Amino acid sequence: MAWTYALIGLAVGIIIGFIISRVTVPGIKEQKSLKQDLEKSKYELEQYRQELVDHFATSATMLEALAKDFNKMYDHMAATSKELMPNLPEQDNPFSARLDEMTLSPELNKKVAHIKEEVNKQPKDYANGATGLFKDESVVESSVKKEDKIV
């Protein structure tokens, strides 16, 4: 029976000690408030991210509309400049380059772009075949050796 009282007393003591430690230790209250602040900050961050995504989506839509309007205005200016000033030289008309590209079919535009790309490429700085330029032997010696082999 003594053991039973001892075990019951031990259990009651552990429970009372746990309750007193929870109430008296200030770190637990601080920890709970920090956890609430963290949850609040996470929620606010998620809201901010969502607002940012919405902002960029709206901005992209507005920029797309602006680009379409700009292209429409440019096309209008190009067409009217050609109609209103038919005698204006091509080099003086700022819209002539784009107007020429617009009047071509898409296949021809690709070919013209390819030709322009080829024209603007850097020239090749090497000759066909090995010249022996970077070898230790000189060009005169290599030509003499070739003549010896022929004979």
C-alpha atoms as a PDB file:
ATOM      1  CA  MET A   1       0.000   0.000   0.000  1.00  0.00           C
ATOM      2  CA  ALA A   2       2.888   2.296   0.700  1.00  0.00           C
ATOM      3  CA  TRP A   3       4.047   1.887  -2.863  1.00  0.00           C
ATOM      4  CA  THR A   4       0.686   2.918  -4.170  1.00  0.00           C
ATOM      5  CA  TYR A   5       0.721   6.142  -2.133  1.00  0.00           C
ATOM      6  CA  ALA A   6       4.244   6.799  -3.280  1.00  0.00           C
ATOM      7  CA  LEU A   7       3.344   6.328  -6.971  1.00  0.00           C
ATOM      8  CA  ILE A   8       0.197   8.469  -6.659  1.00  0.00           C
ATOM      9  CA  GLY A   9       2.199  11.196  -4.904  1.00  0.00           C
ATOM     10  CA  LEU A  10       4.886  11.016  -7.584  1.00  0.00           C
ATOM     11  CA  ALA A  11       2.302  11.337 -10.384  1.00  0.00           C
ATOM     12  CA  VAL A  12       0.545  14.243  -8.644  1.00  0.00           C
ATOM     13  CA  GLY A  13       3.908  15.924  -8.040  1.00  0.00           C
ATOM     14  CA  ILE A  14       4.895  15.580 -11.703  1.00  0.00           C
ATOM     15  CA  ILE A  15       1.573  17.063 -12.854  1.00  0.00           C
ATOM     16  CA  ILE A  16       1.754  19.968 -10.378  1.00  0.00           C
ATOM     17  CA  GLY A  17       5.385  20.617 -11.349  1.00  0.00           C
ATOM     18  CA  PHE A  18       4.505  20.635 -15.040  1.00  0.00           C
ATOM     19  CA  ILE A  19       1.641  23.091 -14.498  1.00  0.00           C
ATOM     20  CA  ILE A  20       3.771  25.397 -12.339  1.00  0.00           C
ATOM     21  CA  SER A  21       6.623  25.341 -14.876  1.00  0.00           C
ATOM     22  CA  ARG A  22       4.242  26.212 -17.720  1.00  0.00           C
ATOM     23  CA  VAL A  23       2.715  29.098 -15.819  1.00  0.00           C
ATOM     24  CA  THR A  24       5.884  30.563 -14.366  1.00  0.00           C
ATOM     25  CA  VAL A  25       8.307  30.186 -17.285  1.00  0.00           C
ATOM     26  CA  PRO A  26       8.089  33.395 -19.398  1.00  0.00           C
ATOM     27  CA  GLY A  27       9.782  31.773 -22.423  1.00  0.00           C
ATOM     28  CA  ILE A  28       6.715  29.768 -23.320  1.00  0.00           C
ATOM     29  CA  LYS A  29       4.508  32.865 -23.609  1.00  0.00           C
ATOM     30  CA  GLU A  30       7.202  34.545 -25.652  1.00  0.00           C
ATOM     31  CA  GLN A  31       7.513  31.471 -27.833  1.00  0.00           C
ATOM     32  CA  LYS A  32       3.762  31.445 -28.495  1.00  0.00           C
ATOM     33  CA  SER A  33       3.753  35.133 -29.418  1.00  0.00           C
ATOM     34  CA  LEU A  34       6.745  34.615 -31.740  1.00  0.00           C
ATOM     35  CA  LYS A  35       4.967  31.701 -33.391  1.00  0.00           C
ATOM     36  CA  GLN A  36       1.864  33.864 -33.944  1.00  0.00           C
ATOM     37  CA  ASP A  37       4.027  36.654 -35.382  1.00  0.00           C
ATOM     38  CA  LEU A  38       5.710  34.158 -37.695  1.00  0.00           C
ATOM     39  CA  GLU A  39       2.376  32.845 -38.953  1.00  0.00           C
ATOM     40  CA  LYS A  40       1.150  36.411 -39.477  1.00  0.00           C
ATOM     41  CA  SER A  41       4.323  37.320 -41.395  1.00  0.00           C
ATOM     42  CA  LYS A  42       4.027  34.231 -43.595  1.00  0.00           C
ATOM     43  CA  TYR A  43       0.428  35.129 -44.404  1.00  0.00           C
ATOM     44  CA  GLU A  44       1.356  38.735 -45.242  1.00  0.00           C
ATOM     45  CA  LEU A  45       4.248  37.555 -47.428  1.00  0.00           C
ATOM     46  CA  GLU A  46       1.948  35.233 -49.341  1.00  0.00           C
ATOM     47  CA  GLN A  47      -0.531  38.074 -49.848  1.00  0.00           C
ATOM     48  CA  TYR A  48       2.268  40.337 -51.082  1.00  0.00           C
ATOM     49  CA  ARG A  49       3.467  37.696 -53.537  1.00  0.00           C
ATOM     50  CA  GLN A  50      -0.043  37.253 -54.878  1.00  0.00           C
ATOM     51  CA  GLU A  51      -0.433  41.021 -55.302  1.00  0.00           C
ATOM     52  CA  LEU A  52       2.910  41.101 -57.131  1.00  0.00           C
ATOM     53  CA  VAL A  53       1.844  38.326 -59.504  1.00  0.00           C
ATOM     54  CA  ASP A  54      -1.430  40.138 -60.188  1.00  0.00           C
ATOM     55  CA  HIS A  55       0.436  43.400 -60.791  1.00  0.00           C
ATOM     56  CA  PHE A  56       2.805  41.826 -63.320  1.00  0.00           C
ATOM     57  CA  ALA A  57      -0.046  40.048 -65.087  1.00  0.00           C
ATOM     58  CA  THR A  58      -1.925  43.342 -65.435  1.00  0.00           C
ATOM     59  CA  SER A  59       1.245  45.138 -66.564  1.00  0.00           C
ATOM     60  CA  ALA A  60       1.933  42.469 -69.191  1.00  0.00           C
ATOM     61  CA  THR A  61      -1.595  42.823 -70.552  1.00  0.00           C
ATOM     62  CA  MET A  62      -1.256  46.604 -70.705  1.00  0.00           C
ATOM     63  CA  LEU A  63       2.152  46.392 -72.421  1.00  0.00           C
ATOM     64  CA  GLU A  64       0.775  43.958 -74.971  1.00  0.00           C
ATOM     65  CA  ALA A  65      -2.081  46.334 -75.766  1.00  0.00           C
ATOM     66  CA  LEU A  66       0.392  49.210 -75.989  1.00  0.00           C
ATOM     67  CA  ALA A  67       2.609  47.247 -78.392  1.00  0.00           C
ATOM     68  CA  LYS A  68      -0.373  46.420 -80.606  1.00  0.00           C
ATOM     69  CA  ASP A  69      -1.442  50.054 -80.642  1.00  0.00           C
ATOM     70  CA  PHE A  70       2.105  51.155 -81.422  1.00  0.00           C
ATOM     71  CA  ASN A  71       2.375  48.708 -84.325  1.00  0.00           C
ATOM     72  CA  LYS A  72      -1.007  49.837 -85.619  1.00  0.00           C
ATOM     73  CA  MET A  73       0.097  53.486 -85.431  1.00  0.00           C
ATOM     74  CA  TYR A  74       3.431  52.721 -87.114  1.00  0.00           C
ATOM     75  CA  ASP A  75       1.699  50.834 -89.916  1.00  0.00           C
ATOM     76  CA  HIS A  76      -0.695  53.725 -90.392  1.00  0.00           C
ATOM     77  CA  MET A  77       2.160  56.257 -90.505  1.00  0.00           C
ATOM     78  CA  ALA A  78       4.110  54.109 -92.973  1.00  0.00           C
ATOM     79  CA  ALA A  79       1.157  53.690 -95.300  1.00  0.00           C
ATOM     80  CA  THR A  80       0.134  57.343 -95.201  1.00  0.00           C
ATOM     81  CA  SER A  81       3.699  58.602 -95.632  1.00  0.00           C
ATOM     82  CA  LYS A  82       3.973  56.597 -98.829  1.00  0.00           C
ATOM     83  CA  GLU A  83       0.577  57.834-100.050  1.00  0.00           C
ATOM     84  CA  LEU A  84       0.982  61.485 -99.076  1.00  0.00           C
ATOM     85  CA  MET A  85       4.604  61.857-100.182  1.00  0.00           C
ATOM     86  CA  PRO A  86       5.026  59.599-103.225  1.00  0.00           C
ATOM     87  CA  ASN A  87       8.000  61.566-104.583  1.00  0.00           C
ATOM     88  CA  LEU A  88      10.006  61.365-101.347  1.00  0.00           C
ATOM     89  CA  PRO A  89      13.269  59.430-101.841  1.00  0.00           C
ATOM     90  CA  GLU A  90      13.461  56.107-100.003  1.00  0.00           C
ATOM     91  CA  GLN A  91      16.395  57.169 -97.828  1.00  0.00           C
ATOM     92  CA  ASP A  92      14.453  60.233 -96.583  1.00  0.00           C
ATOM     93  CA  ASN A  93      11.345  58.256 -95.633  1.00  0.00           C
ATOM     94  CA  PRO A  94      11.856  56.930 -92.090  1.00  0.00           C
ATOM     95  CA  PHE A  95       9.154  54.313 -92.591  1.00  0.00           C
ATOM     96  CA  SER A  96      10.447  52.846 -95.852  1.00  0.00           C
ATOM     97  CA  ALA A  97      12.485  49.975 -94.405  1.00  0.00           C
ATOM     98  CA  ARG A  98       9.626  48.597 -92.357  1.00  0.00           C
ATOM     99  CA  LEU A  99       7.119  49.243 -95.123  1.00  0.00           C
ATOM    100  CA  ASP A 100       9.159  47.117 -97.532  1.00  0.00           C
ATOM    101  CA  GLU A 101       9.278  44.294 -94.988  1.00  0.00           C
ATOM    102  CA  MET A 102       5.538  44.569 -94.391  1.00  0.00           C
ATOM    103  CA  THR A 103       4.644  44.277 -98.068  1.00  0.00           C
ATOM    104  CA  LEU A 104       6.683  41.095 -98.582  1.00  0.00           C
ATOM    105  CA  SER A 105       5.245  37.690 -97.892  1.00  0.00           C
ATOM    106  CA  PRO A 106       6.437  35.894 -94.731  1.00  0.00           C
ATOM    107  CA  GLU A 107       8.566  33.483 -96.790  1.00  0.00           C
ATOM    108  CA  LEU A 108      10.301  36.344 -98.579  1.00  0.00           C
ATOM    109  CA  ASN A 109      10.810  38.155 -95.274  1.00  0.00           C
ATOM    110  CA  LYS A 110      12.666  35.074 -93.992  1.00  0.00           C
ATOM    111  CA  LYS A 111      14.830  34.931 -97.113  1.00  0.00           C
ATOM    112  CA  VAL A 112      15.596  38.640 -96.927  1.00  0.00           C
ATOM    113  CA  ALA A 113      16.477  38.328 -93.259  1.00  0.00           C
ATOM    114  CA  HIS A 114      18.756  35.374 -94.068  1.00  0.00           C
ATOM    115  CA  ILE A 115      20.499  37.329 -96.843  1.00  0.00           C
ATOM    116  CA  LYS A 116      20.940  40.348 -94.566  1.00  0.00           C
ATOM    117  CA  GLU A 117      22.405  38.055 -91.922  1.00  0.00           C
ATOM    118  CA  GLU A 118      24.854  36.568 -94.427  1.00  0.00           C
ATOM    119  CA  VAL A 119      25.924  40.019 -95.602  1.00  0.00           C
ATOM    120  CA  ASN A 120      26.531  41.214 -92.058  1.00  0.00           C
ATOM    121  CA  LYS A 121      28.638  38.182 -91.079  1.00  0.00           C
ATOM    122  CA  GLN A 122      32.344  38.567 -90.499  1.00  0.00           C
ATOM    123  CA  PRO A 123      34.548  37.424 -93.364  1.00  0.00           C
ATOM    124  CA  LYS A 124      36.412  34.172 -92.956  1.00  0.00           C
ATOM    125  CA  ASP A 125      40.075  34.722 -92.227  1.00  0.00           C
ATOM    126  CA  TYR A 126      41.361  31.351 -93.322  1.00  0.00           C
ATOM    127  CA  ALA A 127      42.234  29.720 -96.611  1.00  0.00           C
ATOM    128  CA  ASN A 128      41.153  26.300 -97.850  1.00  0.00           C
ATOM    129  CA  GLY A 129      43.603  23.646 -96.738  1.00  0.00           C
ATOM    130  CA  ALA A 130      46.551  23.917 -94.373  1.00  0.00           C
ATOM    131  CA  THR A 131      49.099  26.603 -95.196  1.00  0.00           C
ATOM    132  CA  GLY A 132      51.706  25.604 -92.644  1.00  0.00           C
ATOM    133  CA  LEU A 133      51.709  29.118 -91.277  1.00  0.00           C
ATOM    134  CA  PHE A 134      51.700  28.057 -87.654  1.00  0.00           C
ATOM    135  CA  LYS A 135      54.313  25.321 -88.008  1.00  0.00           C
ATOM    136  CA  ASP A 136      57.980  25.818 -87.111  1.00  0.00           C
ATOM    137  CA  GLU A 137      59.158  25.460 -90.679  1.00  0.00           C
ATOM    138  CA  SER A 138      59.047  28.402 -93.025  1.00  0.00           C
ATOM    139  CA  VAL A 139      56.957  28.569 -96.193  1.00  0.00           C
ATOM    140  CA  VAL A 140      60.079  28.487 -98.416  1.00  0.00           C
ATOM    141  CA  GLU A 141      61.351  25.278 -96.774  1.00  0.00           C
ATOM    142  CA  SER A 142      57.986  23.562 -97.120  1.00  0.00           C
ATOM    143  CA  SER A 143      57.792  24.449-100.832  1.00  0.00           C
ATOM    144  CA  VAL A 144      61.336  23.059-101.353  1.00  0.00           C
ATOM    145  CA  LYS A 145      60.362  19.820 -99.615  1.00  0.00           C
ATOM    146  CA  LYS A 146      57.317  19.496-101.883  1.00  0.00           C
ATOM    147  CA  GLU A 147      59.500  19.925-104.978  1.00  0.00           C
ATOM    148  CA  ASP A 148      61.876  17.221-103.716  1.00  0.00           C
ATOM    149  CA  LYS A 149      59.004  14.819-103.300  1.00  0.00           C
ATOM    150  CA  ILE A 150      57.709  15.462-106.825  1.00  0.00           C
ATOM    151  CA  VAL A 151      61.011  14.617-108.495  1.00  0.00           C
END
